Amino acid sequence: MKFQATSKSAYDLLHDGILALQRAESVGLRLDLDYCERKNRSLTKQIMYLEKKFAESELGVLWKRTHRGNTNYGSGDQLAHLLYKVMKIKSTKLTTGGSRGSTDEDTLKKLGIPELDHFLKVSKLKKLRDTYLGSFLREQVDGVIHPNFNLHLVKTFRPSTDHPNFANVPKQDYESMKLCRGAVFPRIGYQFLSGDFSGIEVKMACCYTEDPRLIKDVNAGDMHLDMAVEIFKLDGLDKGHKGEGRLRQGAKNGFVFPQFYGDYWGNNVPSLLEWAKESTLKNGKTAWEHLQNKKLIVLDKNGNIKNKAAFEKHVQQVEEKENEYRHRRNSWYGLC
């Protein structure tokens, strides 16, 4: 019999899981208070130094002159106004709402303005101090934190943690991860273990739907590579090649993951084109040149995109094709 979300076994699974996590919440994690306070002071000193360097830089002085009497070096709106309105820099990416140029980390790094390195470093250090170590210190009781583990807050059953959000501790940046993980330590006779269930959502979907195409992708295929080939209209792709491997990463981060969490093609196009701009194929051509040869984009004499309507339509068709497949697959198993 198919495993249904309304079945008794499904309820028991979640119920038992909540009870197990409740025991973990009750025991909690030991916090090194001296370590947290020491790191807090060190981060504050670094932040003050870098803020002073930025304020004295040419960009910082221009910012203060532009927003005289109302200067806020932490304001994304003020920074966007300075960069894209005052300095007339062409934005490579818009905010999700499309109202202004983006000031996220990747976009600012691509602008190549040295003073922004100080700005980005300050933002990173403030997040470490206030969001991570700060939340540990605010939530600790007698040197122990008791994060809530939630299995019951969203219909998709996606778990979360809060007070503090222990699942949000950084892991992509090694130094940040090391600093945050150094704040907690195991009780005598115990040790911490770290596990990564790679691709667990897709593998669970295989078990649930018994979809042969999905099972083949997980066991022997590469769905991100396949999507890159389809989106960028390639004959094939060597993920071991640096440039072509970036296109696979672009399909993964710019289409597959956003689509998995409910995004749509219109938001995916700018990101996909950015990945293509920075990628070179094995034949030596840039991915932009390849897309131009495929008549999906039109470049001007300076090599910038003049028209992307064909690529937008192509990505929309890729999405519609995938949606049709998913709908047909779900219909097979009575899940719609």
Protein backbone atom coordinates (compact mmCIF):
# COMPACT_ATOMS: atom_id res chain seq x y z
CA MET A 1 0.00 0.00 0.00
CA LYS A 2 1.25 3.49 -0.84
CA PHE A 3 2.62 5.54 2.05
CA GLN A 4 0.18 8.45 2.47
CA ALA A 5 0.69 11.62 4.51
CA THR A 6 -2.64 10.96 6.22
CA SER A 7 -1.79 7.43 7.31
CA LYS A 8 -1.30 6.31 10.91
CA SER A 9 2.29 5.32 10.14
CA ALA A 10 3.00 8.83 8.87
CA TYR A 11 1.59 10.35 12.05
CA ASP A 12 3.61 7.96 14.21
CA LEU A 13 6.79 8.84 12.33
CA LEU A 14 6.37 12.55 13.00
CA HIS A 15 5.12 12.01 16.54
CA ASP A 16 8.09 9.82 17.45
CA GLY A 17 10.43 12.29 15.78
CA ILE A 18 9.06 15.21 17.78
CA LEU A 19 9.45 13.24 21.03
CA ALA A 20 13.06 12.35 20.20
CA LEU A 21 13.88 15.96 19.34
CA GLN A 22 12.13 17.14 22.51
CA ARG A 23 14.58 15.06 24.54
CA ALA A 24 17.46 16.68 22.63
CA GLU A 25 15.98 20.13 23.32
CA SER A 26 15.72 19.37 27.02
CA VAL A 27 19.35 18.23 27.29
CA GLY A 28 20.62 21.14 25.19
CA LEU A 29 24.14 22.09 24.16
CA ARG A 30 26.86 23.39 26.46
CA LEU A 31 28.09 26.88 25.56
CA ASP A 32 31.57 28.22 26.25
CA LEU A 33 30.59 31.61 27.65
CA ASP A 34 34.17 32.87 28.04
CA TYR A 35 34.90 31.96 24.43
CA CYS A 36 31.77 33.77 23.18
CA GLU A 37 32.55 36.93 25.17
CA ARG A 38 36.18 36.90 24.03
CA LYS A 39 35.24 36.46 20.36
CA ASN A 40 32.53 39.09 20.72
CA ARG A 41 35.08 41.67 21.90
CA SER A 42 37.52 40.69 19.16
CA LEU A 43 34.86 40.99 16.43
CA THR A 44 33.76 44.40 17.77
CA LYS A 45 37.33 45.72 17.56
CA GLN A 46 37.69 44.46 13.97
CA ILE A 47 34.35 45.99 13.00
CA MET A 48 35.24 49.41 14.46
CA TYR A 49 38.60 49.40 12.65
CA LEU A 50 37.09 48.45 9.27
CA GLU A 51 34.20 50.90 9.64
CA LYS A 52 36.71 53.70 10.24
CA LYS A 53 38.75 52.61 7.18
CA PHE A 54 35.63 52.57 5.03
CA ALA A 55 34.36 55.95 6.31
CA GLU A 56 37.74 57.51 5.45
CA SER A 57 37.88 55.94 1.97
CA GLU A 58 36.92 57.84 -1.16
CA LEU A 59 33.71 55.84 -1.45
CA GLY A 60 32.86 56.36 2.23
CA VAL A 61 33.38 60.13 1.96
CA LEU A 62 31.17 60.27 -1.15
CA TRP A 63 28.49 58.23 0.68
CA LYS A 64 28.54 60.67 3.62
CA ARG A 65 28.37 63.67 1.28
CA THR A 66 25.48 62.12 -0.64
CA HIS A 67 23.42 61.29 2.46
CA ARG A 68 24.54 64.25 4.57
CA GLY A 69 22.91 64.20 8.01
CA ASN A 70 21.35 60.78 7.39
CA THR A 71 24.34 58.54 6.70
CA ASN A 72 23.80 54.85 7.44
CA TYR A 73 26.68 52.70 6.21
CA GLY A 74 24.54 49.60 6.78
CA SER A 75 21.73 50.68 4.45
CA GLY A 76 21.38 48.70 1.23
CA ASP A 77 19.07 51.37 -0.21
CA GLN A 78 21.63 54.12 0.41
CA LEU A 79 24.42 52.01 -1.10
CA ALA A 80 22.30 51.20 -4.18
CA HIS A 81 21.48 54.90 -4.64
CA LEU A 82 25.17 55.79 -4.35
CA LEU A 83 26.40 53.14 -6.79
CA TYR A 84 23.68 53.15 -9.42
CA LYS A 85 22.27 56.69 -9.27
CA VAL A 86 25.15 58.91 -8.12
CA MET A 87 28.13 56.98 -9.56
CA LYS A 88 26.11 55.80 -12.59
CA ILE A 89 27.43 52.23 -12.38
CA LYS A 90 25.40 49.79 -14.46
CA SER A 91 23.76 47.20 -12.24
CA THR A 92 24.38 43.58 -13.25
CA LYS A 93 21.48 42.32 -11.14
CA LEU A 94 18.20 43.69 -9.80
CA THR A 95 16.56 42.96 -6.47
CA THR A 96 13.85 40.29 -6.45
CA GLY A 97 11.17 42.94 -6.83
CA GLY A 98 13.14 44.63 -9.61
CA SER A 99 12.90 48.03 -7.90
CA ARG A 100 16.65 48.75 -7.72
CA GLY A 101 20.11 47.38 -8.36
CA SER A 102 21.19 44.56 -6.10
CA THR A 103 23.69 45.06 -3.28
CA ASP A 104 24.16 41.39 -2.40
CA GLU A 105 27.68 40.06 -1.84
CA ASP A 106 28.19 38.46 -5.25
CA THR A 107 27.02 41.58 -7.09
CA LEU A 108 29.23 43.93 -5.07
CA LYS A 109 32.29 41.72 -5.55
CA LYS A 110 31.82 41.81 -9.31
CA LEU A 111 31.89 45.63 -9.33
CA GLY A 112 35.62 45.52 -8.51
CA ILE A 113 35.59 48.52 -6.13
CA PRO A 114 38.36 47.97 -3.52
CA GLU A 115 36.62 50.02 -0.79
CA LEU A 116 33.66 47.65 -0.90
CA ASP A 117 35.92 44.91 0.49
CA HIS A 118 35.85 46.76 3.83
CA PHE A 119 32.06 47.12 3.60
CA LEU A 120 31.56 43.40 2.89
CA LYS A 121 33.96 42.37 5.65
CA VAL A 122 32.07 44.56 8.17
CA SER A 123 28.75 42.98 7.12
CA LYS A 124 30.20 39.50 7.56
CA LEU A 125 31.70 40.23 10.98
CA LYS A 126 28.50 41.88 12.24
CA LYS A 127 26.52 38.82 11.22
CA LEU A 128 28.95 36.55 13.07
CA ARG A 129 28.79 38.71 16.19
CA ASP A 130 25.09 39.62 16.29
CA THR A 131 23.25 36.84 14.44
CA TYR A 132 25.28 33.83 15.53
CA LEU A 133 27.30 34.40 18.71
CA GLY A 134 24.80 37.03 19.83
CA SER A 135 21.87 34.64 19.58
CA PHE A 136 23.83 31.97 21.48
CA LEU A 137 24.45 34.37 24.36
CA ARG A 138 20.86 35.69 24.38
CA GLU A 139 19.31 32.22 24.50
CA GLN A 140 21.68 30.46 26.92
CA VAL A 141 20.52 29.49 30.39
CA ASP A 142 23.28 28.63 32.87
CA GLY A 143 25.69 28.08 30.00
CA VAL A 144 23.36 25.79 28.00
CA ILE A 145 21.34 26.56 24.87
CA HIS A 146 18.12 24.66 24.12
CA PRO A 147 17.23 25.16 20.44
CA ASN A 148 13.66 24.30 19.42
CA PHE A 149 13.50 21.63 16.68
CA ASN A 150 10.29 21.96 14.66
CA LEU A 151 8.70 19.29 12.48
CA HIS A 152 5.16 20.64 12.55
CA LEU A 153 5.20 24.25 11.32
CA VAL A 154 4.89 23.88 7.53
CA LYS A 155 2.82 21.64 5.29
CA THR A 156 5.91 20.27 3.55
CA PHE A 157 7.23 19.03 6.95
CA ARG A 158 10.53 20.81 6.26
CA PRO A 159 12.23 21.00 9.68
CA SER A 160 13.51 24.18 11.27
CA THR A 161 15.14 25.38 14.47
CA ASP A 162 14.75 28.56 16.51
CA HIS A 163 15.80 30.20 19.80
CA PRO A 164 18.52 30.08 18.51
CA ASN A 165 18.36 29.02 14.87
CA PHE A 166 21.05 26.37 15.19
CA ALA A 167 20.52 25.10 11.64
CA ASN A 168 21.67 28.49 10.32
CA VAL A 169 25.26 28.19 11.53
CA PRO A 170 27.51 28.86 8.49
CA LYS A 171 29.32 25.98 6.87
CA GLN A 172 30.34 27.29 3.42
CA ASP A 173 32.86 29.72 4.89
CA TYR A 174 35.39 27.68 6.90
CA GLU A 175 36.56 30.48 9.22
CA SER A 176 32.97 31.45 10.09
CA MET A 177 32.03 27.82 10.66
CA LYS A 178 35.07 27.26 12.88
CA LEU A 179 34.29 30.37 14.97
CA CYS A 180 30.63 29.40 15.54
CA ARG A 181 31.23 25.71 16.20
CA GLY A 182 33.98 26.59 18.67
CA ALA A 183 31.29 28.11 20.92
CA VAL A 184 29.71 24.77 21.82
CA PHE A 185 31.34 21.70 23.31
CA PRO A 186 30.14 18.20 24.29
CA ARG A 187 29.69 16.90 27.79
CA ILE A 188 32.41 14.72 29.34
CA GLY A 189 32.44 11.29 27.75
CA TYR A 190 30.59 12.41 24.60
CA GLN A 191 31.61 13.86 21.24
CA PHE A 192 29.92 15.72 18.40
CA LEU A 193 29.28 14.05 15.06
CA SER A 194 28.38 15.78 11.81
CA GLY A 195 26.42 14.10 9.02
CA ASP A 196 25.30 15.32 5.60
CA PHE A 197 22.47 13.38 3.96
CA SER A 198 23.37 14.39 0.42
CA GLY A 199 20.36 14.70 -1.89
CA ILE A 200 18.01 13.33 0.76
CA GLU A 201 14.92 15.19 -0.51
CA VAL A 202 15.26 13.77 -4.02
CA LYS A 203 15.99 10.27 -2.72
CA MET A 204 12.88 10.38 -0.52
CA ALA A 205 10.89 11.49 -3.57
CA CYS A 206 12.21 8.39 -5.37
CA CYS A 207 10.89 6.15 -2.58
CA TYR A 208 7.57 7.97 -2.50
CA THR A 209 6.80 8.19 -6.24
CA GLU A 210 8.76 5.16 -7.53
CA ASP A 211 9.36 7.35 -10.58
CA PRO A 212 11.74 5.44 -12.94
CA ARG A 213 13.19 8.61 -14.50
CA LEU A 214 13.89 10.13 -11.09
CA ILE A 215 15.39 6.87 -9.79
CA LYS A 216 17.65 6.65 -12.86
CA ASP A 217 18.81 10.24 -12.31
CA VAL A 218 19.70 9.54 -8.67
CA ASN A 219 21.38 6.17 -9.23
CA ALA A 220 23.20 6.64 -12.52
CA GLY A 221 22.40 10.03 -13.98
CA ASP A 222 23.13 13.67 -13.23
CA MET A 223 20.01 15.84 -13.30
CA HIS A 224 22.01 19.07 -12.91
CA LEU A 225 24.20 18.18 -15.89
CA ASP A 226 21.15 17.21 -17.94
CA MET A 227 19.43 20.50 -17.12
CA ALA A 228 22.57 22.46 -18.03
CA VAL A 229 22.71 20.73 -21.41
CA GLU A 230 19.03 21.55 -22.00
CA ILE A 231 19.05 25.15 -20.70
CA PHE A 232 22.25 26.22 -22.48
CA LYS A 233 21.54 24.11 -25.61
CA LEU A 234 24.73 22.08 -25.45
CA ASP A 235 25.53 18.83 -27.28
CA GLY A 236 27.16 17.56 -24.10
CA LEU A 237 28.96 18.76 -20.99
CA ASP A 238 32.16 17.76 -19.21
CA LYS A 239 31.67 18.65 -15.55
CA GLY A 240 35.39 18.02 -14.97
CA HIS A 241 36.17 21.02 -17.16
CA LYS A 242 36.24 24.21 -15.09
CA GLY A 243 34.10 26.33 -17.42
CA GLU A 244 31.58 23.65 -18.32
CA GLY A 245 31.43 22.57 -14.69
CA ARG A 246 30.34 26.12 -13.85
CA LEU A 247 27.43 25.77 -16.26
CA ARG A 248 26.33 22.64 -14.42
CA GLN A 249 26.58 24.60 -11.16
CA GLY A 250 24.59 27.39 -12.78
CA ALA A 251 21.79 25.03 -13.79
CA LYS A 252 21.77 23.60 -10.27
CA ASN A 253 21.78 26.90 -8.34
CA GLY A 254 20.06 29.05 -10.94
CA PHE A 255 17.23 26.75 -12.04
CA VAL A 256 16.84 23.34 -10.38
CA PHE A 257 16.97 24.50 -6.74
CA PRO A 258 14.88 27.67 -7.27
CA GLN A 259 12.30 25.64 -9.19
CA PHE A 260 12.27 22.99 -6.47
CA TYR A 261 11.28 25.67 -3.97
CA GLY A 262 8.62 27.30 -6.15
CA ASP A 263 10.44 29.94 -8.22
CA TYR A 264 9.55 30.66 -11.87
CA TRP A 265 11.48 31.12 -15.11
CA GLY A 266 11.36 34.94 -15.09
CA ASN A 267 13.46 35.09 -11.91
CA ASN A 268 15.83 32.38 -13.16
CA VAL A 269 16.89 34.02 -16.44
CA PRO A 270 19.19 36.79 -15.02
CA SER A 271 21.01 34.31 -12.79
CA LEU A 272 21.46 31.78 -15.61
CA LEU A 273 22.89 34.47 -17.89
CA GLU A 274 25.33 35.52 -15.17
CA TRP A 275 26.59 31.94 -14.88
CA ALA A 276 26.91 31.78 -18.68
CA LYS A 277 28.82 35.07 -18.78
CA GLU A 278 31.49 33.68 -16.45
CA SER A 279 31.85 30.29 -18.15
CA THR A 280 34.08 29.20 -21.03
CA LEU A 281 33.44 25.98 -22.98
CA LYS A 282 36.08 23.41 -23.88
CA ASN A 283 36.15 24.75 -27.44
CA GLY A 284 37.37 28.10 -26.07
CA LYS A 285 34.17 30.02 -26.70
CA THR A 286 32.33 31.74 -23.89
CA ALA A 287 28.87 30.45 -23.04
CA TRP A 288 27.51 33.86 -24.12
CA GLU A 289 29.05 33.36 -27.58
CA HIS A 290 27.54 29.89 -27.69
CA LEU A 291 24.08 31.24 -26.80
CA GLN A 292 24.50 33.91 -29.48
CA ASN A 293 25.36 31.25 -32.08
CA LYS A 294 22.22 29.37 -31.00
CA LYS A 295 20.29 32.64 -31.59
CA LEU A 296 19.13 32.72 -27.96
CA ILE A 297 20.72 36.10 -27.16
CA VAL A 298 21.91 39.09 -29.19
CA LEU A 299 25.13 40.86 -28.18
CA ASP A 300 26.04 44.44 -29.00
CA LYS A 301 29.42 45.59 -30.34
CA ASN A 302 30.80 45.76 -26.79
CA GLY A 303 29.85 42.16 -26.08
CA ASN A 304 26.95 43.00 -23.77
CA ILE A 305 23.49 41.48 -24.07
CA LYS A 306 21.28 43.60 -26.34
CA ASN A 307 18.34 41.21 -26.55
CA LYS A 308 17.56 38.13 -24.43
CA ALA A 309 13.92 37.55 -25.43
CA ALA A 310 14.67 34.26 -27.21
CA PHE A 311 16.54 32.90 -24.18
CA GLU A 312 13.70 33.95 -21.89
CA LYS A 313 11.21 32.08 -24.07
CA HIS A 314 13.51 29.05 -24.16
CA VAL A 315 13.82 28.91 -20.34
CA GLN A 316 10.05 29.31 -20.05
CA GLN A 317 9.58 26.32 -22.36
CA VAL A 318 12.08 24.28 -20.32
CA GLU A 319 10.09 25.08 -17.18
CA GLU A 320 6.76 24.22 -18.85
CA LYS A 321 8.19 20.92 -20.06
CA GLU A 322 9.40 20.04 -16.55
CA ASN A 323 6.08 21.11 -15.02
CA GLU A 324 4.19 18.92 -17.51
CA TYR A 325 6.43 15.99 -16.64
CA ARG A 326 5.94 16.53 -12.90
CA HIS A 327 2.18 16.85 -13.31
CA ARG A 328 2.03 13.64 -15.37
CA ARG A 329 4.22 11.84 -12.84
CA ASN A 330 2.06 12.99 -9.92
CA SER A 331 -1.10 12.01 -11.78
CA TRP A 332 0.25 8.49 -12.23
CA TYR A 333 0.37 8.08 -8.48
CA GLY A 334 -2.78 9.95 -7.60
CA LEU A 335 -0.88 12.67 -5.78
CA CYS A 336 -2.54 15.68 -7.44
